[in-house]
């Protein structure tokens, strides 16, 4: 039995697709092993968000060659679609598959034997028009369920439409079927993923439904205790969606909402579909209905044309927002994007300085968010994440907690009391209510739902 190992770079969507492709290999009789165990075949699912994708790919390929004896190495994913010939020159790479080919890997590679030259199968992105369902399983306590792919937006900095094609979605019936299958495997939490998740509902270039329709149906699925929305554009995060989450028993109060800049001038240059006034309105609406909700923010610094005044305006706007943490990206020039030819390039040193300022702000935001939750009762899903006799988990509103290891807790959702922030920036729990105590906690659990109101 030949062995195969996987490595995923990038987003939750990539993880869902890697997991699905791994199951294809298992159905074909391959045995999946850990990366470090030394496999016959390595599948590396690439990302193209930043300009160091090439460095990351080369490093992973080198590591695979270190732990395995002359393995067959396949590169796929977004970076493989954007620059297939470039990836094929990386020493050790045997095959490259683009967006339209990766789910049909066995149609393109028959024997997985090394050839004199790498084989490249990467069609133009216009041919990546079909939808391939995907979800991760057995990899983590939570599952990433793909509901949408591609993007019809034309943000000036982004290569994703070039790497994944037009916006398209799975059918609602398929998604509900997959959710039920996930539930049958004992998974407690599903994270909904996509390139532009809030744009769900486009099938064969025609809008058939909306994201709010999908989450209403998912909320009825038995067996899943939590649904989490991975990321959603502010212009697609409607009052209807926020109202629904605030009242749902299963959709948790956690939103990740890309901002990219707090300067309207820069937002217009980026070709975003909103201004900061709309973003503020979305945050205000969430806080009104869910005071303890976790709100994450994506921000890009150093975009072409961003002056000191623009950055100051953006920083001050974000500083005033009632958000919980930031994901900060330093702008990098990406080939074939609108921004790459824009005037006003920001020196790299200045980009890095601005990035550091926002990362420091993120640390303060997260600390304050954690601190505001101390003393409160929350429900934690404990994970199989053990380190030095301690285990971790996440509350509904995405606070990472730590507790003494107890095998009974793994993959259990249990009520806890949040005590203090430790030196590792994790929240210690004061007490965990386990069986048989939990049987008598119906009223207690009902009280816990007050964190949404």
Protein backbone atom coordinates (compact mmCIF):
# COMPACT_ATOMS: atom_id res chain seq x y z
CA UNK A 1 0.00 0.00 0.00
CA UNK A 2 1.56 3.30 -1.11
CA UNK A 3 1.54 6.17 1.35
CA UNK A 4 0.51 9.77 0.84
CA UNK A 5 0.96 12.88 3.00
CA UNK A 6 -0.53 16.35 2.70
CA UNK A 7 0.50 19.88 3.56
CA UNK A 8 -1.86 22.87 3.36
CA UNK A 9 -0.86 26.50 3.06
CA UNK A 10 -3.40 29.28 3.49
CA UNK A 11 -7.05 29.44 4.40
CA UNK A 12 -9.76 27.24 5.89
CA UNK A 13 -11.12 26.67 2.40
CA UNK A 14 -7.80 25.08 1.41
CA UNK A 15 -7.99 22.82 4.48
CA UNK A 16 -11.47 21.63 3.51
CA UNK A 17 -10.29 20.83 -0.01
CA UNK A 18 -7.10 19.08 1.11
CA UNK A 19 -9.12 16.86 3.43
CA UNK A 20 -11.53 15.97 0.64
CA UNK A 21 -8.69 15.15 -1.77
CA UNK A 22 -7.07 12.98 0.92
CA UNK A 23 -10.27 10.92 1.09
CA UNK A 24 -10.08 10.44 -2.69
CA UNK A 25 -6.63 8.91 -2.22
CA UNK A 26 -7.85 6.64 0.56
CA UNK A 27 -10.67 5.39 -1.67
CA UNK A 28 -8.04 4.54 -4.29
CA UNK A 29 -6.18 2.36 -1.78
CA UNK A 30 -3.50 4.77 -0.58
CA UNK A 31 -2.64 5.04 3.11
CA UNK A 32 -2.54 8.54 4.55
CA UNK A 33 0.40 9.26 6.88
CA UNK A 34 1.73 12.28 8.71
CA UNK A 35 4.03 14.61 6.80
CA UNK A 36 7.04 13.80 8.98
CA UNK A 37 6.60 10.04 8.64
CA UNK A 38 8.05 9.99 5.15
CA UNK A 39 5.49 9.26 2.41
CA UNK A 40 5.75 7.94 -1.14
CA UNK A 41 3.65 10.86 -2.39
CA UNK A 42 3.31 14.43 -1.09
CA UNK A 43 0.42 16.73 -2.00
CA UNK A 44 1.08 20.41 -1.24
CA UNK A 45 -1.94 22.70 -1.46
CA UNK A 46 -0.64 26.21 -2.08
CA UNK A 47 -1.76 29.76 -1.29
CA UNK A 48 -1.19 33.00 -3.18
CA UNK A 49 -2.29 35.72 -0.75
CA UNK A 50 1.20 37.14 -0.17
CA UNK A 51 4.37 37.47 -2.22
CA UNK A 52 6.30 34.89 -0.20
CA UNK A 53 4.25 31.96 -1.54
CA UNK A 54 7.26 30.84 -3.56
CA UNK A 55 9.51 30.75 -0.48
CA UNK A 56 6.96 28.76 1.51
CA UNK A 57 6.48 26.25 -1.31
CA UNK A 58 10.22 25.71 -1.70
CA UNK A 59 10.62 25.18 2.03
CA UNK A 60 7.85 22.58 2.22
CA UNK A 61 9.27 20.72 -0.78
CA UNK A 62 12.72 20.64 0.84
CA UNK A 63 11.25 19.31 4.09
CA UNK A 64 9.41 16.57 2.21
CA UNK A 65 12.67 15.54 0.55
CA UNK A 66 14.40 15.43 3.93
CA UNK A 67 11.91 13.09 5.60
CA UNK A 68 11.17 10.84 2.61
CA UNK A 69 13.22 8.85 0.12
CA UNK A 70 12.83 10.54 -3.25
CA UNK A 71 9.06 11.17 -2.93
CA UNK A 72 6.68 12.07 -5.75
CA UNK A 73 5.65 15.69 -5.07
CA UNK A 74 2.49 17.32 -6.43
CA UNK A 75 1.72 21.04 -6.13
CA UNK A 76 -1.85 22.28 -6.45
CA UNK A 77 -4.00 25.20 -5.34
CA UNK A 78 -4.05 28.93 -5.91
CA UNK A 79 -0.34 29.57 -6.43
CA UNK A 80 -0.15 26.54 -8.71
CA UNK A 81 -2.93 28.05 -10.83
CA UNK A 82 -1.33 31.49 -11.00
CA UNK A 83 2.26 30.42 -11.75
CA UNK A 84 2.32 26.76 -12.78
CA UNK A 85 5.49 26.96 -14.86
CA UNK A 86 7.33 28.79 -12.10
CA UNK A 87 6.34 26.15 -9.54
CA UNK A 88 7.43 23.40 -11.93
CA UNK A 89 11.01 24.72 -11.72
CA UNK A 90 11.22 24.08 -7.96
CA UNK A 91 13.69 21.19 -7.51
CA UNK A 92 11.82 18.05 -6.49
CA UNK A 93 8.40 18.96 -7.89
CA UNK A 94 6.99 16.25 -10.16
CA UNK A 95 3.54 17.57 -11.07
CA UNK A 96 1.51 20.79 -10.95
CA UNK A 97 -2.29 20.88 -11.00
CA UNK A 98 -4.42 23.97 -11.51
CA UNK A 99 -7.83 24.90 -10.15
CA UNK A 100 -9.81 22.92 -12.75
CA UNK A 101 -7.63 19.83 -12.39
CA UNK A 102 -6.94 19.29 -8.67
CA UNK A 103 -10.17 17.38 -7.88
CA UNK A 104 -9.57 15.10 -10.89
CA UNK A 105 -6.03 14.20 -9.97
CA UNK A 106 -6.32 10.54 -10.98
CA UNK A 107 -7.37 11.57 -14.50
CA UNK A 108 -4.05 13.35 -14.97
CA UNK A 109 -1.59 11.27 -12.97
CA UNK A 110 -1.81 7.49 -13.36
CA UNK A 111 1.26 5.85 -11.88
CA UNK A 112 2.82 8.56 -9.65
CA UNK A 113 6.26 7.66 -11.02
CA UNK A 114 8.93 10.31 -11.43
CA UNK A 115 9.59 11.47 -14.99
CA UNK A 116 12.48 13.32 -16.56
CA UNK A 117 10.54 16.60 -16.40
CA UNK A 118 7.63 17.75 -14.20
CA UNK A 119 4.16 17.49 -15.73
CA UNK A 120 1.97 20.60 -15.67
CA UNK A 121 -1.82 20.52 -15.94
CA UNK A 122 -3.25 24.01 -15.48
CA UNK A 123 -6.07 25.21 -17.69
CA UNK A 124 -7.04 28.88 -18.05
CA UNK A 125 -9.03 30.00 -15.01
CA UNK A 126 -12.11 30.47 -17.21
CA UNK A 127 -12.33 26.66 -17.35
CA UNK A 128 -12.61 26.41 -13.57
CA UNK A 129 -16.37 26.85 -13.70
CA UNK A 130 -17.60 23.69 -11.99
CA UNK A 131 -18.20 23.37 -8.27
CA UNK A 132 -16.50 20.69 -6.17
CA UNK A 133 -17.93 20.09 -2.72
CA UNK A 134 -15.45 19.74 0.13
CA UNK A 135 -15.22 19.44 3.88
CA UNK A 136 -12.52 18.49 6.35
CA UNK A 137 -13.03 15.52 8.64
CA UNK A 138 -10.91 13.71 11.24
CA UNK A 139 -8.29 16.46 11.04
CA UNK A 140 -9.60 18.68 13.84
CA UNK A 141 -12.35 18.85 16.45
CA UNK A 142 -14.21 21.27 14.21
CA UNK A 143 -14.94 20.76 10.51
CA UNK A 144 -14.50 23.26 7.70
CA UNK A 145 -17.43 22.97 5.29
CA UNK A 146 -17.06 24.60 1.88
CA UNK A 147 -20.25 26.28 0.67
CA UNK A 148 -18.96 28.66 -2.00
CA UNK A 149 -15.98 29.15 -4.32
CA UNK A 150 -14.58 31.90 -6.54
CA UNK A 151 -15.23 35.63 -6.48
CA UNK A 152 -16.86 38.18 -8.81
CA UNK A 153 -15.32 41.16 -7.03
CA UNK A 154 -12.38 43.03 -8.56
CA UNK A 155 -10.46 44.37 -5.56
CA UNK A 156 -7.32 46.08 -6.78
CA UNK A 157 -4.90 44.05 -4.64
CA UNK A 158 -6.38 40.56 -4.98
CA UNK A 159 -5.37 37.57 -7.12
CA UNK A 160 -8.09 35.24 -5.89
CA UNK A 161 -10.46 35.70 -8.88
CA UNK A 162 -7.46 34.79 -11.09
CA UNK A 163 -6.73 31.72 -8.97
CA UNK A 164 -10.26 30.44 -8.32
CA UNK A 165 -12.53 31.88 -11.00
CA UNK A 166 -16.08 33.18 -10.83
CA UNK A 167 -18.36 33.00 -7.80
CA UNK A 168 -20.25 29.72 -7.64
CA UNK A 169 -21.91 27.72 -4.90
CA UNK A 170 -22.91 24.25 -3.86
CA UNK A 171 -26.58 23.35 -3.88
CA UNK A 172 -28.36 23.70 -0.58
CA UNK A 173 -29.33 20.02 -0.66
CA UNK A 174 -25.67 18.99 -0.97
CA UNK A 175 -24.59 21.25 1.87
CA UNK A 176 -27.33 19.96 4.17
CA UNK A 177 -26.43 16.38 3.23
CA UNK A 178 -22.76 17.03 4.04
CA UNK A 179 -23.69 18.68 7.33
CA UNK A 180 -25.72 15.61 8.33
CA UNK A 181 -22.81 13.33 7.40
CA UNK A 182 -20.47 15.46 9.50
CA UNK A 183 -22.91 15.31 12.42
CA UNK A 184 -23.05 11.51 12.15
CA UNK A 185 -19.29 11.38 12.78
CA UNK A 186 -19.64 13.10 16.14
CA UNK A 187 -18.31 16.51 15.09
CA UNK A 188 -19.66 19.29 17.30
CA UNK A 189 -18.73 22.41 15.29
CA UNK A 190 -18.88 23.33 11.60
CA UNK A 191 -17.11 26.38 10.19
CA UNK A 192 -18.66 27.62 6.94
CA UNK A 193 -15.97 28.51 4.41
CA UNK A 194 -15.69 30.00 0.95
CA UNK A 195 -13.79 32.60 -1.01
CA UNK A 196 -16.66 35.07 -0.63
CA UNK A 197 -18.93 33.16 1.74
CA UNK A 198 -21.62 35.82 1.99
CA UNK A 199 -22.11 35.64 -1.79
CA UNK A 200 -23.48 32.12 -1.44
CA UNK A 201 -26.33 31.19 -3.78
CA UNK A 202 -24.97 31.52 -7.35
CA UNK A 203 -25.39 28.31 -9.35
CA UNK A 204 -24.47 28.20 -13.04
CA UNK A 205 -24.07 32.00 -13.17
CA UNK A 206 -27.55 32.58 -11.75
CA UNK A 207 -28.52 33.50 -8.20
CA UNK A 208 -30.77 30.77 -6.83
CA UNK A 209 -30.70 31.60 -3.11
CA UNK A 210 -29.03 33.75 -0.44
CA UNK A 211 -26.65 33.17 2.44
CA UNK A 212 -29.41 33.89 4.96
CA UNK A 213 -31.49 31.09 3.37
CA UNK A 214 -28.60 28.67 3.83
CA UNK A 215 -27.90 29.42 7.47
CA UNK A 216 -31.60 29.19 8.34
CA UNK A 217 -31.68 25.65 6.96
CA UNK A 218 -28.38 24.65 8.58
CA UNK A 219 -29.70 25.84 11.93
CA UNK A 220 -32.22 22.99 11.79
CA UNK A 221 -29.60 20.22 11.42
CA UNK A 222 -29.60 17.85 14.39
CA UNK A 223 -26.30 16.83 15.96
CA UNK A 224 -24.26 19.95 15.28
CA UNK A 225 -23.92 22.13 18.37
CA UNK A 226 -22.13 25.06 16.74
CA UNK A 227 -21.97 26.76 13.37
CA UNK A 228 -19.33 29.44 12.83
CA UNK A 229 -19.15 31.82 9.86
CA UNK A 230 -15.48 32.02 8.84
CA UNK A 231 -15.47 35.40 7.08
CA UNK A 232 -18.04 37.67 5.48
CA UNK A 233 -17.78 40.93 3.57
CA UNK A 234 -19.33 43.95 5.37
CA UNK A 235 -21.56 44.80 2.42
CA UNK A 236 -22.96 41.25 2.51
CA UNK A 237 -23.42 41.11 6.29
CA UNK A 238 -27.03 42.25 6.39
CA UNK A 239 -29.20 43.19 9.37
CA UNK A 240 -31.14 40.03 8.61
CA UNK A 241 -28.05 37.85 9.12
CA UNK A 242 -26.99 39.66 12.30
CA UNK A 243 -30.51 39.40 13.75
CA UNK A 244 -30.62 35.70 12.93
CA UNK A 245 -27.28 34.90 14.57
CA UNK A 246 -28.25 36.87 17.68
CA UNK A 247 -31.29 34.61 18.16
CA UNK A 248 -29.85 31.30 16.96
CA UNK A 249 -29.03 28.51 19.41
CA UNK A 250 -26.32 27.16 17.12
CA UNK A 251 -24.77 30.00 15.12
CA UNK A 252 -22.19 31.45 17.47
CA UNK A 253 -21.52 35.16 18.14
CA UNK A 254 -18.28 35.35 16.20
CA UNK A 255 -17.83 37.43 13.06
CA UNK A 256 -14.72 37.93 10.94
CA UNK A 257 -15.31 40.97 8.75
CA UNK A 258 -12.63 42.24 6.32
CA UNK A 259 -12.08 45.99 6.54
CA UNK A 260 -8.72 46.37 4.72
CA UNK A 261 -8.50 50.10 5.47
CA UNK A 262 -10.16 52.65 7.71
CA UNK A 263 -9.54 55.38 5.15
CA UNK A 264 -12.28 56.00 2.59
CA UNK A 265 -9.70 57.26 0.11
CA UNK A 266 -7.80 53.96 0.29
CA UNK A 267 -10.99 51.89 0.23
CA UNK A 268 -11.91 53.56 -3.05
CA UNK A 269 -8.44 52.93 -4.48
CA UNK A 270 -8.76 49.30 -3.39
CA UNK A 271 -12.10 49.08 -5.22
CA UNK A 272 -13.86 47.81 -2.12
CA UNK A 273 -17.67 47.83 -2.20
CA UNK A 274 -18.27 49.89 0.93
CA UNK A 275 -16.97 52.86 2.88
CA UNK A 276 -16.00 52.96 6.53
CA UNK A 277 -19.38 54.37 7.54
CA UNK A 278 -21.06 51.13 6.50
CA UNK A 279 -18.43 49.11 8.35
CA UNK A 280 -19.02 51.09 11.54
CA UNK A 281 -22.75 50.52 11.14
CA UNK A 282 -22.20 46.74 10.96
CA UNK A 283 -20.06 46.71 14.12
CA UNK A 284 -22.59 48.89 15.96
CA UNK A 285 -25.45 46.59 14.97
CA UNK A 286 -23.59 43.49 16.22
CA UNK A 287 -22.69 45.14 19.53
CA UNK A 288 -26.30 46.22 20.10
CA UNK A 289 -27.57 42.64 19.82
CA UNK A 290 -24.51 40.68 21.01
CA UNK A 291 -22.40 42.75 23.43
CA UNK A 292 -19.89 39.95 24.01
CA UNK A 293 -19.55 38.82 20.39
CA UNK A 294 -16.06 38.30 19.04
CA UNK A 295 -15.32 40.45 15.97
CA UNK A 296 -12.17 39.94 13.92
CA UNK A 297 -10.90 42.36 11.28
CA UNK A 298 -8.63 41.99 8.22
CA UNK A 299 -6.46 45.04 7.51
CA UNK A 300 -3.92 45.78 4.76
CA UNK A 301 -1.19 48.35 5.38
CA UNK A 302 1.06 50.06 2.85
CA UNK A 303 -1.34 49.99 -0.10
CA UNK A 304 -0.15 52.24 -2.98
CA UNK A 305 -1.06 55.84 -2.27
CA UNK A 306 -1.39 55.35 1.50
CA UNK A 307 0.12 58.50 3.02
CA UNK A 308 0.97 59.05 6.67
CA UNK A 309 -2.32 60.90 7.02
CA UNK A 310 -4.26 58.04 5.44
CA UNK A 311 -2.65 55.52 7.78
CA UNK A 312 -3.30 57.75 10.79
CA UNK A 313 -6.96 58.05 9.78
CA UNK A 314 -7.20 54.28 9.38
CA UNK A 315 -5.46 53.57 12.68
CA UNK A 316 -7.67 55.97 14.62
CA UNK A 317 -10.82 54.54 13.04
CA UNK A 318 -9.83 50.96 13.96
CA UNK A 319 -8.75 52.04 17.43
CA UNK A 320 -12.25 53.37 18.09
CA UNK A 321 -14.00 50.28 16.75
CA UNK A 322 -15.32 47.80 19.31
CA UNK A 323 -13.57 44.84 17.72
CA UNK A 324 -11.71 41.91 19.28
CA UNK A 325 -8.60 41.28 17.17
CA UNK A 326 -6.94 42.14 13.84
CA UNK A 327 -5.37 40.08 11.08
CA UNK A 328 -2.78 42.45 9.66
CA UNK A 329 -1.39 42.01 6.15
CA UNK A 330 1.51 44.00 4.75
CA UNK A 331 0.68 44.92 1.16
CA UNK A 332 2.72 43.02 -1.40
CA UNK A 333 2.78 43.57 -5.14
CA UNK A 334 0.95 40.80 -6.99
CA UNK A 335 1.32 40.27 -10.74
CA UNK A 336 -1.73 40.92 -12.92
CA UNK A 337 -3.56 42.96 -10.27
CA UNK A 338 -4.75 46.54 -10.71
CA UNK A 339 -2.73 47.80 -7.75
CA UNK A 340 0.64 46.67 -9.09
CA UNK A 341 0.64 49.55 -11.57
CA UNK A 342 -0.69 52.19 -9.19
CA UNK A 343 1.48 55.19 -8.28
CA UNK A 344 2.51 56.07 -4.74
CA UNK A 345 4.35 52.89 -3.74
CA UNK A 346 4.99 52.84 0.03
CA UNK A 347 8.58 51.96 1.03
CA UNK A 348 8.83 48.46 2.48
CA UNK A 349 10.37 49.73 5.72
CA UNK A 350 7.39 52.04 6.25
CA UNK A 351 4.93 49.24 5.45
CA UNK A 352 6.58 47.08 8.11
CA UNK A 353 6.47 49.90 10.67
CA UNK A 354 2.76 50.44 10.08
CA UNK A 355 2.14 46.70 10.25
CA UNK A 356 3.89 46.53 13.62
CA UNK A 357 1.73 49.37 14.96
CA UNK A 358 -1.46 47.56 13.99
CA UNK A 359 -0.24 44.24 15.37
CA UNK A 360 0.38 45.97 18.69
CA UNK A 361 -3.12 47.42 18.50
CA UNK A 362 -4.48 43.94 17.85
CA UNK A 363 -2.74 42.63 20.98
CA UNK A 364 -4.37 45.39 23.05
CA UNK A 365 -7.78 44.72 21.48
CA UNK A 366 -7.62 40.99 22.15
CA UNK A 367 -6.41 41.50 25.72
CA UNK A 368 -9.25 43.90 26.42
CA UNK A 369 -11.78 41.52 24.87
CA UNK A 370 -10.53 38.62 26.99
CA UNK A 371 -10.43 40.79 30.09
CA UNK A 372 -14.03 41.96 29.54
CA UNK A 373 -15.13 38.32 29.55
CA UNK A 374 -13.42 37.30 32.80
CA UNK A 375 -15.85 36.14 35.47
CA UNK A 376 -18.45 35.21 32.88
CA UNK A 377 -19.87 31.75 32.26
CA UNK A 378 -19.24 30.37 28.77
CA UNK A 379 -19.49 27.10 26.87
CA UNK A 380 -16.19 25.63 25.65
CA UNK A 381 -15.54 22.99 22.99
CA UNK A 382 -12.43 21.18 24.18
CA UNK A 383 -9.99 19.97 21.53
CA UNK A 384 -7.44 17.19 21.22
CA UNK A 385 -4.69 19.76 21.62
CA UNK A 386 -2.49 18.57 24.51
CA UNK A 387 0.70 20.28 25.61
CA UNK A 388 2.60 19.77 28.87
CA UNK A 389 -0.39 18.20 30.56
CA UNK A 390 -2.78 20.93 29.52
CA UNK A 391 -5.51 21.08 26.91
CA UNK A 392 -7.19 23.86 24.97
CA UNK A 393 -10.59 24.80 23.67
CA UNK A 394 -12.64 27.70 22.37
CA UNK A 395 -15.70 29.41 23.75
CA UNK A 396 -18.65 30.22 21.49
CA UNK A 397 -17.27 33.74 21.16
CA UNK A 398 -13.80 32.46 20.22
CA UNK A 399 -11.83 32.90 23.42
CA UNK A 400 -9.06 30.32 23.65
CA UNK A 401 -9.04 28.69 27.06
CA UNK A 402 -6.65 26.29 28.78
CA UNK A 403 -7.38 23.62 31.40
CA UNK A 404 -5.67 20.61 32.94
CA UNK A 405 -5.76 17.63 30.59
CA UNK A 406 -8.67 15.27 31.04
CA UNK A 407 -9.41 12.74 28.26
CA UNK A 408 -13.13 12.86 29.08
CA UNK A 409 -13.25 16.50 27.99
CA UNK A 410 -12.02 15.96 24.40
CA UNK A 411 -14.67 16.95 21.81
CA UNK A 412 -17.10 17.91 24.56
CA UNK A 413 -18.94 21.21 24.87
CA UNK A 414 -19.07 22.06 28.55
CA UNK A 415 -19.96 25.15 30.59
CA UNK A 416 -17.05 26.85 32.36
CA UNK A 417 -16.31 30.00 34.28
CA UNK A 418 -13.53 32.21 32.89
CA UNK A 419 -11.04 33.11 35.61
CA UNK A 420 -7.89 34.91 34.44
CA UNK A 421 -5.52 35.57 31.56
CA UNK A 422 -2.25 33.67 32.03
CA UNK A 423 1.28 34.53 30.91
CA UNK A 424 0.71 32.77 27.57
CA UNK A 425 -2.27 35.04 26.81
CA UNK A 426 -4.74 32.21 27.29
CA UNK A 427 -7.74 32.25 29.60
CA UNK A 428 -7.69 29.90 32.58
CA UNK A 429 -11.01 28.37 33.60
CA UNK A 430 -12.17 28.44 37.21
CA UNK A 431 -14.32 25.34 37.01
CA UNK A 432 -15.66 22.87 34.47
CA UNK A 433 -19.10 21.36 34.91
CA UNK A 434 -18.84 17.71 33.86
CA UNK A 435 -21.07 14.66 34.11
CA UNK A 436 -23.05 13.88 36.20
CA UNK A 437 -23.31 17.55 37.23
CA UNK A 438 -24.06 18.50 33.64
CA UNK A 439 -27.33 16.54 33.66
CA UNK A 440 -28.74 19.04 36.15
CA UNK A 441 -27.56 22.12 34.29
CA UNK A 442 -30.45 22.74 31.92
CA UNK A 443 -31.35 26.02 33.60
CA UNK A 444 -27.69 26.94 33.89
CA UNK A 445 -27.13 26.38 30.19
CA UNK A 446 -30.17 28.48 29.39
CA UNK A 447 -28.67 31.27 31.46
CA UNK A 448 -25.46 30.98 29.46
CA UNK A 449 -27.33 32.03 26.35
CA UNK A 450 -27.56 35.50 27.90
CA UNK A 451 -24.14 36.29 26.41
CA UNK A 452 -25.97 36.91 23.15
CA UNK A 453 -28.45 39.38 24.54
